[in-house]
Amino acid sequence: MRRALTQALRRGWRQAVRTARSMIGVPDYDTYVAHMRRHHPDRAVMTYAEFFNDRLQARYRAGGGRCC
């Protein structure tokens, strides 16, 4: 039981960190690479610079650049 609780807490912590990073605009490259290798092995993985630029464009494209 203690082990299951520890594992659940670790999963929750990792998810909280990913969520916080996403909210402040820090993309999670390691998660992206793992996802691509697991689910899309036939597709090329972007470099960190390509990934960062892609996430940056996606973040600011959606809001239209408005301030209010």
Protein backbone atom coordinates (compact mmCIF):
# COMPACT_ATOMS: atom_id res chain seq x y z
CA MET A 1 0.00 0.00 0.00
CA ARG A 2 2.81 2.41 0.85
CA ARG A 3 4.48 1.75 -2.50
CA ALA A 4 1.25 2.42 -4.40
CA LEU A 5 0.78 5.69 -2.54
CA THR A 6 4.37 6.74 -3.27
CA GLN A 7 3.92 5.97 -6.97
CA ALA A 8 0.63 7.88 -7.10
CA LEU A 9 2.25 10.88 -5.43
CA ARG A 10 5.14 10.80 -7.92
CA ARG A 11 2.76 10.65 -10.88
CA GLY A 12 0.76 13.52 -9.44
CA TRP A 13 3.89 15.58 -8.86
CA ARG A 14 5.14 15.00 -12.42
CA GLN A 15 1.76 16.00 -13.82
CA ALA A 16 1.70 19.13 -11.66
CA VAL A 17 5.18 20.09 -12.90
CA ARG A 18 4.16 19.54 -16.54
CA THR A 19 1.01 21.61 -16.02
CA ALA A 20 2.91 24.45 -14.34
CA ARG A 21 5.54 24.50 -17.07
CA SER A 22 2.85 24.55 -19.72
CA MET A 23 1.06 27.43 -18.00
CA ILE A 24 4.17 29.59 -17.92
CA GLY A 25 5.21 28.65 -21.43
CA VAL A 26 8.07 26.22 -20.81
CA PRO A 27 7.58 23.39 -23.28
CA ASP A 28 8.30 19.82 -22.19
CA TYR A 29 10.65 18.52 -24.87
CA ASP A 30 11.41 15.20 -23.14
CA THR A 31 7.71 14.32 -23.00
CA TYR A 32 7.35 15.26 -26.68
CA VAL A 33 10.29 13.03 -27.69
CA ALA A 34 8.97 10.09 -25.65
CA HIS A 35 5.52 10.52 -27.21
CA MET A 36 6.91 10.67 -30.74
CA ARG A 37 9.06 7.59 -30.27
CA ARG A 38 6.23 5.62 -28.68
CA HIS A 39 3.31 6.64 -30.91
CA HIS A 40 4.88 7.91 -34.15
CA PRO A 41 8.14 5.98 -34.70
CA ASP A 42 7.94 6.59 -38.46
CA ARG A 43 7.97 10.41 -38.08
CA ALA A 44 11.04 12.57 -37.53
CA VAL A 45 11.49 14.12 -34.09
CA MET A 46 12.01 17.89 -34.08
CA THR A 47 15.19 19.26 -32.58
CA TYR A 48 14.82 21.20 -29.34
CA ALA A 49 15.09 24.51 -31.24
CA GLU A 50 12.41 23.44 -33.75
CA PHE A 51 10.17 22.21 -30.94
CA PHE A 52 10.61 25.41 -28.94
CA ASN A 53 9.81 27.60 -31.96
CA ASP A 54 6.78 25.47 -32.80
CA ARG A 55 5.41 25.77 -29.25
CA LEU A 56 6.13 29.50 -29.19
CA GLN A 57 4.25 30.04 -32.45
CA ALA A 58 1.34 27.90 -31.27
CA ARG A 59 1.09 29.86 -28.04
CA TYR A 60 0.96 33.29 -29.62
CA ARG A 61 -0.92 32.37 -32.78
CA ALA A 62 -4.03 31.31 -30.86
CA GLY A 63 -4.52 34.57 -28.94
CA GLY A 64 -4.14 36.91 -31.90
CA GLY A 65 -1.74 39.11 -29.95
CA ARG A 66 -4.43 41.00 -28.08
CA CYS A 67 -3.71 42.50 -24.74
CA CYS A 68 -7.25 42.77 -23.38
